[in-house]
Amino acid sequence: GQEVATLVNNEVVTPGTKEVTFTGNDLSSGIYFYTLFAGDFKETKKMMLIK
């Protein structure tokens, strides 16, 4: 696959709950994977974009 968006890149943030909005306006409907990195933590999940 290809990287289609970077929502947050190398930002230093304070601990706590964070929220990032992703619209996918420029993408086609389909299955996409996203990865969350936080320190040593890394998790990849799947999402379905339906238009």
PDB file of N, CA and C in Angstrom:
ATOM      1  N   GLY A   1       0.802  -1.189   0.000  1.00  0.00           N
ATOM      2  CA  GLY A   1       0.000   0.000   0.000  1.00  0.00           C
ATOM      3  C   GLY A   1       0.848   1.257   0.000  1.00  0.00           C
ATOM      4  N   GLN A   2       0.192   2.345  -0.124  1.00  0.00           N
ATOM      5  CA  GLN A   2       0.840   3.653  -0.121  1.00  0.00           C
ATOM      6  C   GLN A   2       0.332   4.485   1.041  1.00  0.00           C
ATOM      7  N   GLU A   3       1.191   5.350   1.540  1.00  0.00           N
ATOM      8  CA  GLU A   3       0.752   6.308   2.561  1.00  0.00           C
ATOM      9  C   GLU A   3      -0.095   7.369   1.877  1.00  0.00           C
ATOM     10  N   VAL A   4      -1.299   7.597   2.386  1.00  0.00           N
ATOM     11  CA  VAL A   4      -2.201   8.562   1.758  1.00  0.00           C
ATOM     12  C   VAL A   4      -2.385   9.820   2.592  1.00  0.00           C
ATOM     13  N   ALA A   5      -2.003   9.780   3.876  1.00  0.00           N
ATOM     14  CA  ALA A   5      -2.152  10.962   4.731  1.00  0.00           C
ATOM     15  C   ALA A   5      -1.285  10.815   5.967  1.00  0.00           C
ATOM     16  N   THR A   6      -0.796  11.942   6.461  1.00  0.00           N
ATOM     17  CA  THR A   6      -0.130  12.013   7.761  1.00  0.00           C
ATOM     18  C   THR A   6      -0.887  13.047   8.566  1.00  0.00           C
ATOM     19  N   LEU A   7      -1.486  12.630   9.673  1.00  0.00           N
ATOM     20  CA  LEU A   7      -2.331  13.536  10.452  1.00  0.00           C
ATOM     21  C   LEU A   7      -1.535  14.321  11.476  1.00  0.00           C
ATOM     22  N   VAL A   8      -0.574  13.676  12.112  1.00  0.00           N
ATOM     23  CA  VAL A   8       0.290  14.328  13.097  1.00  0.00           C
ATOM     24  C   VAL A   8       1.687  13.794  12.845  1.00  0.00           C
ATOM     25  N   ASN A   9       2.682  14.680  12.788  1.00  0.00           N
ATOM     26  CA  ASN A   9       4.036  14.244  12.469  1.00  0.00           C
ATOM     27  C   ASN A   9       5.039  14.877  13.417  1.00  0.00           C
ATOM     28  N   ASN A  10       5.611  14.077  14.295  1.00  0.00           N
ATOM     29  CA  ASN A  10       6.679  14.501  15.208  1.00  0.00           C
ATOM     30  C   ASN A  10       6.293  15.659  16.109  1.00  0.00           C
ATOM     31  N   GLU A  11       5.035  15.755  16.485  1.00  0.00           N
ATOM     32  CA  GLU A  11       4.614  16.783  17.432  1.00  0.00           C
ATOM     33  C   GLU A  11       4.840  16.286  18.847  1.00  0.00           C
ATOM     34  N   VAL A  12       5.369  17.147  19.694  1.00  0.00           N
ATOM     35  CA  VAL A  12       5.506  16.828  21.110  1.00  0.00           C
ATOM     36  C   VAL A  12       4.241  17.324  21.789  1.00  0.00           C
ATOM     37  N   VAL A  13       3.528  16.419  22.437  1.00  0.00           N
ATOM     38  CA  VAL A  13       2.267  16.772  23.076  1.00  0.00           C
ATOM     39  C   VAL A  13       2.293  16.341  24.535  1.00  0.00           C
ATOM     40  N   THR A  14       1.461  16.974  25.330  1.00  0.00           N
ATOM     41  CA  THR A  14       1.364  16.619  26.739  1.00  0.00           C
ATOM     42  C   THR A  14       0.584  15.310  26.878  1.00  0.00           C
ATOM     43  N   PRO A  15       0.823  14.584  27.963  1.00  0.00           N
ATOM     44  CA  PRO A  15       0.083  13.333  28.185  1.00  0.00           C
ATOM     45  C   PRO A  15      -1.419  13.585  28.287  1.00  0.00           C
ATOM     46  N   GLY A  16      -2.193  12.599  27.913  1.00  0.00           N
ATOM     47  CA  GLY A  16      -3.645  12.701  28.011  1.00  0.00           C
ATOM     48  C   GLY A  16      -4.323  12.256  26.738  1.00  0.00           C
ATOM     49  N   THR A  17      -5.605  12.414  26.707  1.00  0.00           N
ATOM     50  CA  THR A  17      -6.410  12.020  25.555  1.00  0.00           C
ATOM     51  C   THR A  17      -6.295  13.066  24.455  1.00  0.00           C
ATOM     52  N   LYS A  18      -6.096  12.611  23.240  1.00  0.00           N
ATOM     53  CA  LYS A  18      -5.982  13.508  22.080  1.00  0.00           C
ATOM     54  C   LYS A  18      -6.998  13.089  21.027  1.00  0.00           C
ATOM     55  N   GLU A  19      -7.396  14.038  20.208  1.00  0.00           N
ATOM     56  CA  GLU A  19      -8.350  13.772  19.135  1.00  0.00           C
ATOM     57  C   GLU A  19      -7.846  14.412  17.858  1.00  0.00           C
ATOM     58  N   VAL A  20      -7.890  13.657  16.763  1.00  0.00           N
ATOM     59  CA  VAL A  20      -7.480  14.147  15.449  1.00  0.00           C
ATOM     60  C   VAL A  20      -8.622  13.857  14.487  1.00  0.00           C
ATOM     61  N   THR A  21      -8.998  14.839  13.696  1.00  0.00           N
ATOM     62  CA  THR A  21     -10.085  14.667  12.733  1.00  0.00           C
ATOM     63  C   THR A  21      -9.522  14.239  11.381  1.00  0.00           C
ATOM     64  N   PHE A  22     -10.124  13.211  10.821  1.00  0.00           N
ATOM     65  CA  PHE A  22      -9.748  12.712   9.497  1.00  0.00           C
ATOM     66  C   PHE A  22     -11.018  12.613   8.665  1.00  0.00           C
ATOM     67  N   THR A  23     -11.085  13.321   7.553  1.00  0.00           N
ATOM     68  CA  THR A  23     -12.294  13.313   6.733  1.00  0.00           C
ATOM     69  C   THR A  23     -12.214  12.330   5.567  1.00  0.00           C
ATOM     70  N   GLY A  24     -11.058  12.165   4.978  1.00  0.00           N
ATOM     71  CA  GLY A  24     -10.931  11.280   3.824  1.00  0.00           C
ATOM     72  C   GLY A  24     -11.611  11.809   2.583  1.00  0.00           C
ATOM     73  N   ASN A  25     -11.824  13.108   2.503  1.00  0.00           N
ATOM     74  CA  ASN A  25     -12.527  13.704   1.354  1.00  0.00           C
ATOM     75  C   ASN A  25     -11.875  13.388   0.012  1.00  0.00           C
ATOM     76  N   ASP A  26     -10.556  13.278  -0.003  1.00  0.00           N
ATOM     77  CA  ASP A  26      -9.839  13.055  -1.261  1.00  0.00           C
ATOM     78  C   ASP A  26      -9.602  11.578  -1.558  1.00  0.00           C
ATOM     79  N   LEU A  27     -10.168  10.686  -0.754  1.00  0.00           N
ATOM     80  CA  LEU A  27      -9.940   9.256  -0.920  1.00  0.00           C
ATOM     81  C   LEU A  27     -11.200   8.560  -1.419  1.00  0.00           C
ATOM     82  N   SER A  28     -11.007   7.432  -2.066  1.00  0.00           N
ATOM     83  CA  SER A  28     -12.127   6.607  -2.514  1.00  0.00           C
ATOM     84  C   SER A  28     -12.622   5.748  -1.363  1.00  0.00           C
ATOM     85  N   SER A  29     -13.856   5.279  -1.470  1.00  0.00           N
ATOM     86  CA  SER A  29     -14.366   4.312  -0.505  1.00  0.00           C
ATOM     87  C   SER A  29     -13.475   3.079  -0.532  1.00  0.00           C
ATOM     88  N   GLY A  30     -13.286   2.466   0.622  1.00  0.00           N
ATOM     89  CA  GLY A  30     -12.476   1.255   0.676  1.00  0.00           C
ATOM     90  C   GLY A  30     -11.956   0.992   2.071  1.00  0.00           C
ATOM     91  N   ILE A  31     -11.079   0.008   2.173  1.00  0.00           N
ATOM     92  CA  ILE A  31     -10.450  -0.365   3.433  1.00  0.00           C
ATOM     93  C   ILE A  31      -9.094   0.327   3.509  1.00  0.00           C
ATOM     94  N   TYR A  32      -8.829   0.968   4.629  1.00  0.00           N
ATOM     95  CA  TYR A  32      -7.569   1.660   4.866  1.00  0.00           C
ATOM     96  C   TYR A  32      -7.007   1.209   6.208  1.00  0.00           C
ATOM     97  N   PHE A  33      -5.695   1.245   6.325  1.00  0.00           N
ATOM     98  CA  PHE A  33      -5.029   0.930   7.581  1.00  0.00           C
ATOM     99  C   PHE A  33      -4.412   2.200   8.134  1.00  0.00           C
ATOM    100  N   TYR A  34      -4.455   2.343   9.452  1.00  0.00           N
ATOM    101  CA  TYR A  34      -3.803   3.476  10.103  1.00  0.00           C
ATOM    102  C   TYR A  34      -2.921   2.954  11.222  1.00  0.00           C
ATOM    103  N   THR A  35      -1.824   3.665  11.480  1.00  0.00           N
ATOM    104  CA  THR A  35      -0.881   3.268  12.519  1.00  0.00           C
ATOM    105  C   THR A  35      -0.699   4.411  13.492  1.00  0.00           C
ATOM    106  N   LEU A  36      -0.768   4.084  14.771  1.00  0.00           N
ATOM    107  CA  LEU A  36      -0.547   5.041  15.851  1.00  0.00           C
ATOM    108  C   LEU A  36       0.796   4.730  16.491  1.00  0.00           C
ATOM    109  N   PHE A  37       1.666   5.736  16.546  1.00  0.00           N
ATOM    110  CA  PHE A  37       2.951   5.618  17.217  1.00  0.00           C
ATOM    111  C   PHE A  37       2.941   6.544  18.420  1.00  0.00           C
ATOM    112  N   ALA A  38       3.385   6.053  19.569  1.00  0.00           N
ATOM    113  CA  ALA A  38       3.506   6.878  20.779  1.00  0.00           C
ATOM    114  C   ALA A  38       4.648   6.303  21.611  1.00  0.00           C
ATOM    115  N   GLY A  39       5.801   6.959  21.563  1.00  0.00           N
ATOM    116  CA  GLY A  39       6.968   6.417  22.258  1.00  0.00           C
ATOM    117  C   GLY A  39       7.338   5.067  21.670  1.00  0.00           C
ATOM    118  N   ASP A  40       7.406   4.038  22.516  1.00  0.00           N
ATOM    119  CA  ASP A  40       7.714   2.685  22.054  1.00  0.00           C
ATOM    120  C   ASP A  40       6.467   1.934  21.587  1.00  0.00           C
ATOM    121  N   PHE A  41       5.317   2.557  21.698  1.00  0.00           N
ATOM    122  CA  PHE A  41       4.045   1.925  21.339  1.00  0.00           C
ATOM    123  C   PHE A  41       3.773   2.106  19.851  1.00  0.00           C
ATOM    124  N   LYS A  42       3.309   1.041  19.212  1.00  0.00           N
ATOM    125  CA  LYS A  42       2.911   1.102  17.802  1.00  0.00           C
ATOM    126  C   LYS A  42       1.738   0.150  17.619  1.00  0.00           C
ATOM    127  N   GLU A  43       0.656   0.636  17.034  1.00  0.00           N
ATOM    128  CA  GLU A  43      -0.492  -0.222  16.771  1.00  0.00           C
ATOM    129  C   GLU A  43      -1.114   0.147  15.431  1.00  0.00           C
ATOM    130  N   THR A  44      -1.402  -0.864  14.628  1.00  0.00           N
ATOM    131  CA  THR A  44      -2.030  -0.676  13.323  1.00  0.00           C
ATOM    132  C   THR A  44      -3.437  -1.260  13.368  1.00  0.00           C
ATOM    133  N   LYS A  45      -4.381  -0.495  12.868  1.00  0.00           N
ATOM    134  CA  LYS A  45      -5.784  -0.916  12.829  1.00  0.00           C
ATOM    135  C   LYS A  45      -6.325  -0.703  11.420  1.00  0.00           C
ATOM    136  N   LYS A  46      -7.486  -1.273  11.176  1.00  0.00           N
ATOM    137  CA  LYS A  46      -8.137  -1.176   9.872  1.00  0.00           C
ATOM    138  C   LYS A  46      -9.392  -0.322  10.014  1.00  0.00           C
ATOM    139  N   MET A  47      -9.675   0.496   9.001  1.00  0.00           N
ATOM    140  CA  MET A  47     -10.931   1.244   8.993  1.00  0.00           C
ATOM    141  C   MET A  47     -11.558   1.147   7.608  1.00  0.00           C
ATOM    142  N   MET A  48     -12.870   1.269   7.579  1.00  0.00           N
ATOM    143  CA  MET A  48     -13.609   1.244   6.321  1.00  0.00           C
ATOM    144  C   MET A  48     -14.127   2.645   6.044  1.00  0.00           C
ATOM    145  N   LEU A  49     -13.797   3.180   4.880  1.00  0.00           N
ATOM    146  CA  LEU A  49     -14.275   4.495   4.464  1.00  0.00           C
ATOM    147  C   LEU A  49     -15.405   4.283   3.464  1.00  0.00           C
ATOM    148  N   ILE A  50     -16.593   4.767   3.807  1.00  0.00           N
ATOM    149  CA  ILE A  50     -17.765   4.617   2.947  1.00  0.00           C
ATOM    150  C   ILE A  50     -18.261   6.004   2.564  1.00  0.00           C
ATOM    151  N   LYS A  51     -18.417   6.235   1.282  1.00  0.00           N
ATOM    152  CA  LYS A  51     -18.900   7.539   0.809  1.00  0.00           C
ATOM    153  C   LYS A  51     -20.268   7.402   0.200  1.00  0.00           C
TER     154      LYS A  51
END
